[in-house]
Amino acid sequence: MGSERFIGRAGLAAGTALVLAACSGGGSTGGSSSAGSAGPAVSTVPTATPTPTPTRPPYGPVLSTSIDPVTTALAQVTAAKSLTDLDAVLGTVGTSAQAAAKALSKADEPATVSTAQTELVTALTSLATDATKVRSDIKFHEVCAVGSAEAELGASQGLAGVSAALTKMTAAGYPTTFAAPQLPAQQSRSLENGTMVRTGKLRGEGEFKVDNGGSADAVVSLALNGKAVHSVYVAKGKSATVEGVEDGTYEVYFSGGSDWDSDAKGFTLDCRFSKFEDTMAFETGRTATTWTVTLQPVADGNAKTNDVDPNAFPQP
């Protein structure tokens, strides 16, 4: 009976040793078969595979992919036939320039073009801002013709900066298809004070006097049924008189601005379009009628004016 109790305790001790050996993953110093079976369990742990280093994309294609949409958008500027068309093109110019700046700011450029890339990103951001500014000037009639809007873009520091930075890229071995459009220079044309832009018959006896005390040149028109009959150019700070106005009741329109385009018969910069609320009746009786208008606010003035949509303004 006593011998059986001893064997039971010894077996329990051996079993405990096996469990401990299996949990610890190590062999016993006694060289038992249980200790030897723990070794292969360690060798089954998988070996980690090293992550390969990603290959950098070639810089040339990255540069071209970023710049090509800007080139395409700029090529459409000179094809615009109206301010509405040009506004849409300028929106694309701004969007593509901003996208190119963002992409290149994250590009892994070679050390040889690091400075040029920094300059390019700055210039592209500036070009996007400049295109947005031209669009704003179109909206608020600061530029009133396609030519003047193109000229404003042509004077953009951002556009010049993009060209300069890409010239450096080409010299460093990274050419692109970029080409800045040939855009006109801003002009400052005007007419002699008192020049008749539109001359009707002028066979009447009425006189129409205009005093332009404003800060911009103006063209003032006498109109019948919404169509200009007589239009006179009045320089800022000057006065002019139209003689021989025929009898009739006229509406009085005036436009102001700078850079007069004689072909288009309109100002191309800083345009304003207005109309006097009251009409002016010219009648020939014992005496002829004389009307005088002043194109700046006066203390005792009795004539009110309203702004007019440029599309509804009668051509002088």
C-alpha atoms as a PDB file:
ATOM      1  CA  MET A   1       0.000   0.000   0.000  1.00  0.00           C
ATOM      2  CA  GLY A   2       2.765   2.444   0.866  1.00  0.00           C
ATOM      3  CA  SER A   3       4.653   1.698  -2.328  1.00  0.00           C
ATOM      4  CA  GLU A   4       1.622   2.542  -4.475  1.00  0.00           C
ATOM      5  CA  ARG A   5       1.221   5.942  -2.771  1.00  0.00           C
ATOM      6  CA  PHE A   6       4.884   6.778  -3.524  1.00  0.00           C
ATOM      7  CA  ILE A   7       4.576   5.907  -7.206  1.00  0.00           C
ATOM      8  CA  GLY A   8       1.481   8.060  -7.505  1.00  0.00           C
ATOM      9  CA  ARG A   9       3.295  11.116  -6.142  1.00  0.00           C
ATOM     10  CA  ALA A  10       6.299  10.496  -8.415  1.00  0.00           C
ATOM     11  CA  GLY A  11       4.051  10.277 -11.478  1.00  0.00           C
ATOM     12  CA  LEU A  12       2.333  13.489 -10.522  1.00  0.00           C
ATOM     13  CA  ALA A  13       5.680  15.236 -10.210  1.00  0.00           C
ATOM     14  CA  ALA A  14       6.785  14.001 -13.638  1.00  0.00           C
ATOM     15  CA  GLY A  15       3.537  15.172 -15.218  1.00  0.00           C
ATOM     16  CA  THR A  16       4.001  18.589 -13.722  1.00  0.00           C
ATOM     17  CA  ALA A  17       7.485  18.776 -15.182  1.00  0.00           C
ATOM     18  CA  LEU A  18       6.167  17.953 -18.650  1.00  0.00           C
ATOM     19  CA  VAL A  19       3.536  20.668 -18.474  1.00  0.00           C
ATOM     20  CA  LEU A  20       6.099  23.225 -17.371  1.00  0.00           C
ATOM     21  CA  ALA A  21       8.508  22.197 -20.115  1.00  0.00           C
ATOM     22  CA  ALA A  22       5.803  22.535 -22.770  1.00  0.00           C
ATOM     23  CA  CYS A  23       4.733  25.980 -21.531  1.00  0.00           C
ATOM     24  CA  SER A  24       8.247  27.368 -21.213  1.00  0.00           C
ATOM     25  CA  GLY A  25       9.376  25.980 -24.586  1.00  0.00           C
ATOM     26  CA  GLY A  26      12.681  24.786 -23.091  1.00  0.00           C
ATOM     27  CA  GLY A  27      14.172  21.328 -22.519  1.00  0.00           C
ATOM     28  CA  SER A  28      14.887  19.794 -19.088  1.00  0.00           C
ATOM     29  CA  THR A  29      18.410  19.212 -17.836  1.00  0.00           C
ATOM     30  CA  GLY A  30      17.534  15.563 -17.306  1.00  0.00           C
ATOM     31  CA  GLY A  31      17.509  14.785 -21.096  1.00  0.00           C
ATOM     32  CA  SER A  32      14.037  13.141 -20.966  1.00  0.00           C
ATOM     33  CA  SER A  33      12.043  12.447 -24.160  1.00  0.00           C
ATOM     34  CA  SER A  34       9.497  15.092 -23.050  1.00  0.00           C
ATOM     35  CA  ALA A  35      12.164  17.828 -22.976  1.00  0.00           C
ATOM     36  CA  GLY A  36      13.415  16.804 -26.419  1.00  0.00           C
ATOM     37  CA  SER A  37       9.950  17.124 -28.002  1.00  0.00           C
ATOM     38  CA  ALA A  38       9.751  20.844 -27.032  1.00  0.00           C
ATOM     39  CA  GLY A  39      12.556  21.880 -29.436  1.00  0.00           C
ATOM     40  CA  PRO A  40      10.689  21.446 -32.771  1.00  0.00           C
ATOM     41  CA  ALA A  41       7.825  23.640 -31.493  1.00  0.00           C
ATOM     42  CA  VAL A  42      10.189  26.659 -31.422  1.00  0.00           C
ATOM     43  CA  SER A  43      11.396  26.130 -35.006  1.00  0.00           C
ATOM     44  CA  THR A  44       7.850  26.431 -36.428  1.00  0.00           C
ATOM     45  CA  VAL A  45       7.665  30.237 -35.755  1.00  0.00           C
ATOM     46  CA  PRO A  46       7.555  31.977 -39.226  1.00  0.00           C
ATOM     47  CA  THR A  47      10.398  34.304 -40.160  1.00  0.00           C
ATOM     48  CA  ALA A  48       9.368  37.923 -41.011  1.00  0.00           C
ATOM     49  CA  THR A  49       9.901  38.921 -44.676  1.00  0.00           C
ATOM     50  CA  PRO A  50      11.613  42.350 -45.085  1.00  0.00           C
ATOM     51  CA  THR A  51       9.383  45.032 -46.693  1.00  0.00           C
ATOM     52  CA  PRO A  52      10.876  46.117 -50.011  1.00  0.00           C
ATOM     53  CA  THR A  53      11.845  49.800 -50.342  1.00  0.00           C
ATOM     54  CA  PRO A  54       9.434  51.514 -52.797  1.00  0.00           C
ATOM     55  CA  THR A  55      10.960  52.782 -56.012  1.00  0.00           C
ATOM     56  CA  ARG A  56      10.677  56.546 -56.522  1.00  0.00           C
ATOM     57  CA  PRO A  57       8.720  57.543 -59.651  1.00  0.00           C
ATOM     58  CA  PRO A  58      10.839  59.369 -62.238  1.00  0.00           C
ATOM     59  CA  TYR A  59      10.610  63.126 -61.713  1.00  0.00           C
ATOM     60  CA  GLY A  60      10.195  64.038 -65.382  1.00  0.00           C
ATOM     61  CA  PRO A  61       6.800  62.342 -65.838  1.00  0.00           C
ATOM     62  CA  VAL A  62       5.589  63.753 -62.520  1.00  0.00           C
ATOM     63  CA  LEU A  63       6.497  67.253 -63.650  1.00  0.00           C
ATOM     64  CA  SER A  64       4.858  66.848 -67.061  1.00  0.00           C
ATOM     65  CA  THR A  65       1.667  65.340 -65.632  1.00  0.00           C
ATOM     66  CA  SER A  66       1.311  68.360 -63.342  1.00  0.00           C
ATOM     67  CA  ILE A  67       2.138  71.060 -65.888  1.00  0.00           C
ATOM     68  CA  ASP A  68       0.373  69.755 -69.020  1.00  0.00           C
ATOM     69  CA  PRO A  69      -3.180  70.684 -67.826  1.00  0.00           C
ATOM     70  CA  VAL A  70      -1.971  74.237 -67.105  1.00  0.00           C
ATOM     71  CA  THR A  71      -0.525  74.485 -70.612  1.00  0.00           C
ATOM     72  CA  THR A  72      -3.775  73.220 -72.136  1.00  0.00           C
ATOM     73  CA  ALA A  73      -5.890  75.700 -70.176  1.00  0.00           C
ATOM     74  CA  LEU A  74      -3.676  78.678 -71.045  1.00  0.00           C
ATOM     75  CA  ALA A  75      -3.823  77.773 -74.743  1.00  0.00           C
ATOM     76  CA  GLN A  76      -7.592  78.404 -74.637  1.00  0.00           C
ATOM     77  CA  VAL A  77      -7.263  81.996 -73.413  1.00  0.00           C
ATOM     78  CA  THR A  78      -6.680  83.554 -76.832  1.00  0.00           C
ATOM     79  CA  ALA A  79      -9.509  81.482 -78.340  1.00  0.00           C
ATOM     80  CA  ALA A  80     -12.155  83.119 -76.115  1.00  0.00           C
ATOM     81  CA  LYS A  81     -14.516  85.325 -78.125  1.00  0.00           C
ATOM     82  CA  SER A  82     -16.426  86.881 -75.244  1.00  0.00           C
ATOM     83  CA  LEU A  83     -15.933  87.785 -71.609  1.00  0.00           C
ATOM     84  CA  THR A  84     -18.266  84.928 -70.656  1.00  0.00           C
ATOM     85  CA  ASP A  85     -16.098  82.448 -72.539  1.00  0.00           C
ATOM     86  CA  LEU A  86     -12.919  83.914 -71.091  1.00  0.00           C
ATOM     87  CA  ASP A  87     -14.299  83.753 -67.562  1.00  0.00           C
ATOM     88  CA  ALA A  88     -14.844  79.999 -67.950  1.00  0.00           C
ATOM     89  CA  VAL A  89     -11.335  79.505 -69.353  1.00  0.00           C
ATOM     90  CA  LEU A  90      -9.801  81.479 -66.489  1.00  0.00           C
ATOM     91  CA  GLY A  91     -11.623  79.208 -64.050  1.00  0.00           C
ATOM     92  CA  THR A  92      -9.875  76.212 -65.620  1.00  0.00           C
ATOM     93  CA  VAL A  93      -6.520  78.018 -65.551  1.00  0.00           C
ATOM     94  CA  GLY A  94      -6.879  78.691 -61.833  1.00  0.00           C
ATOM     95  CA  THR A  95      -8.000  75.147 -60.993  1.00  0.00           C
ATOM     96  CA  SER A  96      -5.228  73.448 -62.976  1.00  0.00           C
ATOM     97  CA  ALA A  97      -2.535  75.779 -61.609  1.00  0.00           C
ATOM     98  CA  GLN A  98      -3.624  75.143 -58.026  1.00  0.00           C
ATOM     99  CA  ALA A  99      -3.715  71.366 -58.595  1.00  0.00           C
ATOM    100  CA  ALA A 100      -0.231  71.446 -60.132  1.00  0.00           C
ATOM    101  CA  ALA A 101       1.135  73.422 -57.192  1.00  0.00           C
ATOM    102  CA  LYS A 102      -0.324  70.903 -54.737  1.00  0.00           C
ATOM    103  CA  ALA A 103       1.026  67.871 -56.630  1.00  0.00           C
ATOM    104  CA  LEU A 104       4.535  69.273 -57.053  1.00  0.00           C
ATOM    105  CA  SER A 105       4.759  70.377 -53.437  1.00  0.00           C
ATOM    106  CA  LYS A 106       4.521  66.682 -52.539  1.00  0.00           C
ATOM    107  CA  ALA A 107       6.826  65.413 -55.296  1.00  0.00           C
ATOM    108  CA  ASP A 108      10.222  63.890 -54.471  1.00  0.00           C
ATOM    109  CA  GLU A 109      12.360  66.093 -56.696  1.00  0.00           C
ATOM    110  CA  PRO A 110      16.059  65.636 -57.459  1.00  0.00           C
ATOM    111  CA  ALA A 111      18.386  67.890 -55.493  1.00  0.00           C
ATOM    112  CA  THR A 112      19.448  69.628 -58.711  1.00  0.00           C
ATOM    113  CA  VAL A 113      15.990  71.157 -59.195  1.00  0.00           C
ATOM    114  CA  SER A 114      14.971  71.655 -55.577  1.00  0.00           C
ATOM    115  CA  THR A 115      15.179  75.453 -55.775  1.00  0.00           C
ATOM    116  CA  ALA A 116      13.441  75.570 -59.159  1.00  0.00           C
ATOM    117  CA  GLN A 117      10.599  73.404 -57.868  1.00  0.00           C
ATOM    118  CA  THR A 118      10.062  75.676 -54.875  1.00  0.00           C
ATOM    119  CA  GLU A 119       9.896  78.649 -57.231  1.00  0.00           C
ATOM    120  CA  LEU A 120       7.536  76.780 -59.527  1.00  0.00           C
ATOM    121  CA  VAL A 121       5.099  75.872 -56.748  1.00  0.00           C
ATOM    122  CA  THR A 122       5.052  79.506 -55.582  1.00  0.00           C
ATOM    123  CA  ALA A 123       4.485  80.771 -59.135  1.00  0.00           C
ATOM    124  CA  LEU A 124       1.672  78.297 -59.834  1.00  0.00           C
ATOM    125  CA  THR A 125      -0.102  79.354 -56.647  1.00  0.00           C
ATOM    126  CA  SER A 126       0.286  82.988 -57.696  1.00  0.00           C
ATOM    127  CA  LEU A 127      -1.039  82.226 -61.195  1.00  0.00           C
ATOM    128  CA  ALA A 128      -4.161  80.636 -59.692  1.00  0.00           C
ATOM    129  CA  THR A 129      -4.710  83.761 -57.581  1.00  0.00           C
ATOM    130  CA  ASP A 130      -4.130  86.076 -60.561  1.00  0.00           C
ATOM    131  CA  ALA A 131      -6.636  84.177 -62.730  1.00  0.00           C
ATOM    132  CA  THR A 132      -9.231  84.492 -59.966  1.00  0.00           C
ATOM    133  CA  LYS A 133      -8.533  88.244 -59.741  1.00  0.00           C
ATOM    134  CA  VAL A 134      -9.171  88.717 -63.479  1.00  0.00           C
ATOM    135  CA  ARG A 135     -12.464  86.833 -63.123  1.00  0.00           C
ATOM    136  CA  SER A 136     -13.474  89.150 -60.285  1.00  0.00           C
ATOM    137  CA  ASP A 137     -12.575  92.210 -62.366  1.00  0.00           C
ATOM    138  CA  ILE A 138     -14.739  90.892 -65.201  1.00  0.00           C
ATOM    139  CA  LYS A 139     -17.663  90.413 -62.824  1.00  0.00           C
ATOM    140  CA  PHE A 140     -17.416  93.926 -61.412  1.00  0.00           C
ATOM    141  CA  HIS A 141     -16.661  95.633 -64.765  1.00  0.00           C
ATOM    142  CA  GLU A 142     -13.122  96.615 -63.862  1.00  0.00           C
ATOM    143  CA  VAL A 143     -12.232  95.056 -67.199  1.00  0.00           C
ATOM    144  CA  CYS A 144     -14.908  95.338 -69.868  1.00  0.00           C
ATOM    145  CA  ALA A 145     -13.414  93.739 -72.981  1.00  0.00           C
ATOM    146  CA  VAL A 146     -11.662  90.487 -73.848  1.00  0.00           C
ATOM    147  CA  GLY A 147      -8.473  92.339 -74.778  1.00  0.00           C
ATOM    148  CA  SER A 148      -8.186  94.181 -71.465  1.00  0.00           C
ATOM    149  CA  ALA A 149      -8.873  90.976 -69.520  1.00  0.00           C
ATOM    150  CA  GLU A 150      -6.204  89.137 -71.525  1.00  0.00           C
ATOM    151  CA  ALA A 151      -3.798  91.997 -70.915  1.00  0.00           C
ATOM    152  CA  GLU A 152      -4.363  91.773 -67.160  1.00  0.00           C
ATOM    153  CA  LEU A 153      -3.562  88.049 -67.215  1.00  0.00           C
ATOM    154  CA  GLY A 154      -0.549  88.708 -69.434  1.00  0.00           C
ATOM    155  CA  ALA A 155       0.854  91.042 -66.778  1.00  0.00           C
ATOM    156  CA  SER A 156       0.480  88.343 -64.106  1.00  0.00           C
ATOM    157  CA  GLN A 157       3.589  87.838 -61.983  1.00  0.00           C
ATOM    158  CA  GLY A 158       2.511  84.238 -61.501  1.00  0.00           C
ATOM    159  CA  LEU A 159       2.519  83.563 -65.254  1.00  0.00           C
ATOM    160  CA  ALA A 160       5.988  85.078 -65.606  1.00  0.00           C
ATOM    161  CA  GLY A 161       7.200  83.078 -62.616  1.00  0.00           C
ATOM    162  CA  VAL A 162       5.962  79.768 -64.042  1.00  0.00           C
ATOM    163  CA  SER A 163       7.809  80.430 -67.300  1.00  0.00           C
ATOM    164  CA  ALA A 164      11.021  81.342 -65.463  1.00  0.00           C
ATOM    165  CA  ALA A 165      10.939  78.284 -63.175  1.00  0.00           C
ATOM    166  CA  LEU A 166      10.253  75.885 -66.054  1.00  0.00           C
ATOM    167  CA  THR A 167      13.142  77.401 -68.016  1.00  0.00           C
ATOM    168  CA  LYS A 168      15.389  76.372 -65.133  1.00  0.00           C
ATOM    169  CA  MET A 169      13.834  72.900 -65.155  1.00  0.00           C
ATOM    170  CA  THR A 170      14.599  72.539 -68.867  1.00  0.00           C
ATOM    171  CA  ALA A 171      18.209  73.609 -68.318  1.00  0.00           C
ATOM    172  CA  ALA A 172      18.512  70.930 -65.615  1.00  0.00           C
ATOM    173  CA  GLY A 173      17.264  68.221 -67.993  1.00  0.00           C
ATOM    174  CA  TYR A 174      13.536  68.237 -67.223  1.00  0.00           C
ATOM    175  CA  PRO A 175      11.745  69.848 -70.201  1.00  0.00           C
ATOM    176  CA  THR A 176       7.982  70.290 -70.499  1.00  0.00           C
ATOM    177  CA  THR A 177       5.602  71.345 -73.274  1.00  0.00           C
ATOM    178  CA  PHE A 178       4.710  74.573 -71.429  1.00  0.00           C
ATOM    179  CA  ALA A 179       4.284  77.699 -73.539  1.00  0.00           C
ATOM    180  CA  ALA A 180       2.909  80.995 -72.220  1.00  0.00           C
ATOM    181  CA  PRO A 181       0.256  82.486 -74.556  1.00  0.00           C
ATOM    182  CA  GLN A 182       1.024  85.679 -76.458  1.00  0.00           C
ATOM    183  CA  LEU A 183      -1.267  88.217 -74.790  1.00  0.00           C
ATOM    184  CA  PRO A 184      -1.743  91.927 -75.571  1.00  0.00           C
ATOM    185  CA  ALA A 185      -0.412  94.757 -73.458  1.00  0.00           C
ATOM    186  CA  GLN A 186      -2.837  96.997 -71.622  1.00  0.00           C
ATOM    187  CA  GLN A 187      -3.708 100.181 -73.524  1.00  0.00           C
ATOM    188  CA  SER A 188      -4.813 103.674 -72.549  1.00  0.00           C
ATOM    189  CA  ARG A 189      -6.636 105.146 -75.553  1.00  0.00           C
ATOM    190  CA  SER A 190      -8.830 108.227 -75.551  1.00  0.00           C
ATOM    191  CA  LEU A 191     -10.504 110.755 -77.862  1.00  0.00           C
ATOM    192  CA  GLU A 192     -10.216 114.505 -78.025  1.00  0.00           C
ATOM    193  CA  ASN A 193     -12.683 116.264 -75.791  1.00  0.00           C
ATOM    194  CA  GLY A 194     -15.896 117.065 -77.643  1.00  0.00           C
ATOM    195  CA  THR A 195     -15.461 114.384 -80.312  1.00  0.00           C
ATOM    196  CA  MET A 196     -18.825 113.177 -81.649  1.00  0.00           C
ATOM    197  CA  VAL A 197     -18.887 109.393 -81.298  1.00  0.00           C
ATOM    198  CA  ARG A 198     -22.288 109.256 -82.980  1.00  0.00           C
ATOM    199  CA  THR A 199     -23.697 112.150 -84.967  1.00  0.00           C
ATOM    200  CA  GLY A 200     -27.349 112.433 -85.899  1.00  0.00           C
ATOM    201  CA  LYS A 201     -28.700 114.960 -88.381  1.00  0.00           C
ATOM    202  CA  LEU A 202     -28.124 117.919 -86.016  1.00  0.00           C
ATOM    203  CA  ARG A 203     -30.522 120.110 -88.007  1.00  0.00           C
ATOM    204  CA  GLY A 204     -32.352 121.502 -84.991  1.00  0.00           C
ATOM    205  CA  GLU A 205     -31.751 124.491 -82.754  1.00  0.00           C
ATOM    206  CA  GLY A 206     -31.349 122.830 -79.381  1.00  0.00           C
ATOM    207  CA  GLU A 207     -28.144 122.786 -77.346  1.00  0.00           C
ATOM    208  CA  PHE A 208     -26.973 120.008 -75.055  1.00  0.00           C
ATOM    209  CA  LYS A 209     -24.139 120.886 -72.676  1.00  0.00           C
ATOM    210  CA  VAL A 210     -22.183 118.386 -70.580  1.00  0.00           C
ATOM    211  CA  ASP A 211     -19.851 119.259 -67.710  1.00  0.00           C
ATOM    212  CA  ASN A 212     -17.703 116.290 -66.675  1.00  0.00           C
ATOM    213  CA  GLY A 213     -16.304 116.992 -63.245  1.00  0.00           C
ATOM    214  CA  GLY A 214     -15.814 113.291 -62.552  1.00  0.00           C
ATOM    215  CA  SER A 215     -12.597 111.298 -62.304  1.00  0.00           C
ATOM    216  CA  ALA A 216     -12.969 109.434 -65.608  1.00  0.00           C
ATOM    217  CA  ASP A 217     -13.690 110.207 -69.243  1.00  0.00           C
ATOM    218  CA  ALA A 218     -17.282 109.735 -70.362  1.00  0.00           C
ATOM    219  CA  VAL A 219     -19.472 109.367 -73.424  1.00  0.00           C
ATOM    220  CA  VAL A 220     -22.914 110.930 -73.094  1.00  0.00           C
ATOM    221  CA  SER A 221     -25.765 109.987 -75.436  1.00  0.00           C
ATOM    222  CA  LEU A 222     -29.140 111.455 -76.276  1.00  0.00           C
ATOM    223  CA  ALA A 223     -31.364 108.498 -77.158  1.00  0.00           C
ATOM    224  CA  LEU A 224     -34.794 107.970 -78.686  1.00  0.00           C
ATOM    225  CA  ASN A 225     -36.628 104.698 -78.071  1.00  0.00           C
ATOM    226  CA  GLY A 226     -33.530 103.170 -76.481  1.00  0.00           C
ATOM    227  CA  LYS A 227     -31.233 103.976 -79.435  1.00  0.00           C
ATOM    228  CA  ALA A 228     -28.475 106.583 -79.287  1.00  0.00           C
ATOM    229  CA  VAL A 229     -28.953 109.510 -81.695  1.00  0.00           C
ATOM    230  CA  HIS A 230     -26.129 111.856 -80.623  1.00  0.00           C
ATOM    231  CA  SER A 231     -23.129 110.768 -78.524  1.00  0.00           C
ATOM    232  CA  VAL A 232     -20.298 113.032 -77.400  1.00  0.00           C
ATOM    233  CA  TYR A 233     -16.953 112.224 -75.759  1.00  0.00           C
ATOM    234  CA  VAL A 234     -16.285 114.374 -72.694  1.00  0.00           C
ATOM    235  CA  ALA A 235     -12.860 114.103 -71.075  1.00  0.00           C
ATOM    236  CA  LYS A 236     -12.593 114.222 -67.291  1.00  0.00           C
ATOM    237  CA  GLY A 237     -12.500 117.778 -65.996  1.00  0.00           C
ATOM    238  CA  LYS A 238     -13.780 119.124 -69.328  1.00  0.00           C
ATOM    239  CA  SER A 239     -17.030 120.363 -70.832  1.00  0.00           C
ATOM    240  CA  ALA A 240     -18.543 119.828 -74.279  1.00  0.00           C
ATOM    241  CA  THR A 241     -21.579 121.066 -76.189  1.00  0.00           C
ATOM    242  CA  VAL A 242     -23.722 119.408 -78.849  1.00  0.00           C
ATOM    243  CA  GLU A 243     -25.424 122.004 -81.066  1.00  0.00           C
ATOM    244  CA  GLY A 244     -28.266 121.495 -83.497  1.00  0.00           C
ATOM    245  CA  VAL A 245     -30.272 118.980 -81.483  1.00  0.00           C
ATOM    246  CA  GLU A 246     -33.612 118.275 -83.176  1.00  0.00           C
ATOM    247  CA  ASP A 247     -36.882 118.661 -81.321  1.00  0.00           C
ATOM    248  CA  GLY A 248     -37.881 115.612 -79.353  1.00  0.00           C
ATOM    249  CA  THR A 249     -37.941 114.031 -75.919  1.00  0.00           C
ATOM    250  CA  TYR A 250     -34.686 112.243 -75.256  1.00  0.00           C
ATOM    251  CA  GLU A 251     -33.366 109.791 -72.724  1.00  0.00           C
ATOM    252  CA  VAL A 252     -29.839 110.563 -71.506  1.00  0.00           C
ATOM    253  CA  TYR A 253     -27.323 107.748 -71.053  1.00  0.00           C
ATOM    254  CA  PHE A 254     -23.684 108.011 -70.100  1.00  0.00           C
ATOM    255  CA  SER A 255     -20.818 105.592 -69.743  1.00  0.00           C
ATOM    256  CA  GLY A 256     -17.517 106.254 -68.006  1.00  0.00           C
ATOM    257  CA  GLY A 257     -14.153 104.548 -67.823  1.00  0.00           C
ATOM    258  CA  SER A 258     -10.739 104.496 -69.433  1.00  0.00           C
ATOM    259  CA  ASP A 259      -9.120 103.125 -72.594  1.00  0.00           C
ATOM    260  CA  TRP A 260     -11.699 103.954 -75.245  1.00  0.00           C
ATOM    261  CA  ASP A 261     -11.957 101.338 -78.014  1.00  0.00           C
ATOM    262  CA  SER A 262     -13.230 103.198 -81.068  1.00  0.00           C
ATOM    263  CA  ASP A 263     -13.995  99.984 -82.955  1.00  0.00           C
ATOM    264  CA  ALA A 264     -16.126  98.567 -80.154  1.00  0.00           C
ATOM    265  CA  LYS A 265     -17.358 102.039 -79.156  1.00  0.00           C
ATOM    266  CA  GLY A 266     -16.785 101.411 -75.476  1.00  0.00           C
ATOM    267  CA  PHE A 267     -14.346 101.758 -72.614  1.00  0.00           C
ATOM    268  CA  THR A 268     -12.358  98.633 -71.815  1.00  0.00           C
ATOM    269  CA  LEU A 269     -11.437  99.454 -68.201  1.00  0.00           C
ATOM    270  CA  ASP A 270     -13.300 100.660 -65.096  1.00  0.00           C
ATOM    271  CA  CYS A 271     -16.630 100.777 -66.938  1.00  0.00           C
ATOM    272  CA  ARG A 272     -19.741 102.396 -65.532  1.00  0.00           C
ATOM    273  CA  PHE A 273     -23.144 102.560 -67.239  1.00  0.00           C
ATOM    274  CA  SER A 274     -25.859 104.955 -66.080  1.00  0.00           C
ATOM    275  CA  LYS A 275     -29.019 106.727 -67.163  1.00  0.00           C
ATOM    276  CA  PHE A 276     -30.731 109.892 -65.990  1.00  0.00           C
ATOM    277  CA  GLU A 277     -34.167 109.173 -64.547  1.00  0.00           C
ATOM    278  CA  ASP A 278     -35.789 112.176 -66.211  1.00  0.00           C
ATOM    279  CA  THR A 279     -36.088 112.699 -69.939  1.00  0.00           C
ATOM    280  CA  MET A 280     -35.097 115.950 -71.676  1.00  0.00           C
ATOM    281  CA  ALA A 281     -37.487 117.638 -74.095  1.00  0.00           C
ATOM    282  CA  PHE A 282     -36.074 119.881 -76.805  1.00  0.00           C
ATOM    283  CA  GLU A 283     -38.628 122.259 -78.354  1.00  0.00           C
ATOM    284  CA  THR A 284     -38.165 125.017 -80.867  1.00  0.00           C
ATOM    285  CA  GLY A 285     -40.418 128.018 -80.353  1.00  0.00           C
ATOM    286  CA  ARG A 286     -39.568 131.643 -79.933  1.00  0.00           C
ATOM    287  CA  THR A 287     -36.405 130.379 -78.275  1.00  0.00           C
ATOM    288  CA  ALA A 288     -34.460 127.134 -78.540  1.00  0.00           C
ATOM    289  CA  THR A 289     -34.062 124.702 -75.663  1.00  0.00           C
ATOM    290  CA  THR A 290     -30.754 124.335 -73.871  1.00  0.00           C
ATOM    291  CA  TRP A 291     -30.102 121.512 -71.411  1.00  0.00           C
ATOM    292  CA  THR A 292     -27.010 121.223 -69.199  1.00  0.00           C
ATOM    293  CA  VAL A 293     -26.021 118.079 -67.313  1.00  0.00           C
ATOM    294  CA  THR A 294     -23.234 117.668 -64.789  1.00  0.00           C
ATOM    295  CA  LEU A 295     -21.575 114.286 -64.349  1.00  0.00           C
ATOM    296  CA  GLN A 296     -20.688 114.620 -60.708  1.00  0.00           C
ATOM    297  CA  PRO A 297     -22.804 115.158 -57.596  1.00  0.00           C
ATOM    298  CA  VAL A 298     -23.601 118.806 -56.928  1.00  0.00           C
ATOM    299  CA  ALA A 299     -25.187 120.372 -53.865  1.00  0.00           C
ATOM    300  CA  ASP A 300     -28.180 121.852 -55.703  1.00  0.00           C
ATOM    301  CA  GLY A 301     -28.517 119.149 -58.349  1.00  0.00           C
ATOM    302  CA  ASN A 302     -32.009 117.983 -59.300  1.00  0.00           C
ATOM    303  CA  ALA A 303     -31.275 115.028 -61.575  1.00  0.00           C
ATOM    304  CA  LYS A 304     -31.121 111.455 -60.385  1.00  0.00           C
ATOM    305  CA  THR A 305     -29.348 108.622 -62.174  1.00  0.00           C
ATOM    306  CA  ASN A 306     -29.628 104.842 -62.142  1.00  0.00           C
ATOM    307  CA  ASP A 307     -27.108 102.173 -63.040  1.00  0.00           C
ATOM    308  CA  VAL A 308     -27.837 100.271 -66.240  1.00  0.00           C
ATOM    309  CA  ASP A 309     -27.039  96.686 -67.165  1.00  0.00           C
ATOM    310  CA  PRO A 310     -24.255  96.816 -69.776  1.00  0.00           C
ATOM    311  CA  ASN A 311     -26.250  94.422 -71.957  1.00  0.00           C
ATOM    312  CA  ALA A 312     -29.160  96.865 -72.009  1.00  0.00           C
ATOM    313  CA  PHE A 313     -27.041  99.942 -72.646  1.00  0.00           C
ATOM    314  CA  PRO A 314     -27.484 101.529 -76.096  1.00  0.00           C
ATOM    315  CA  GLN A 315     -24.266 101.550 -78.093  1.00  0.00           C
ATOM    316  CA  PRO A 316     -23.047 105.130 -78.483  1.00  0.00           C
END
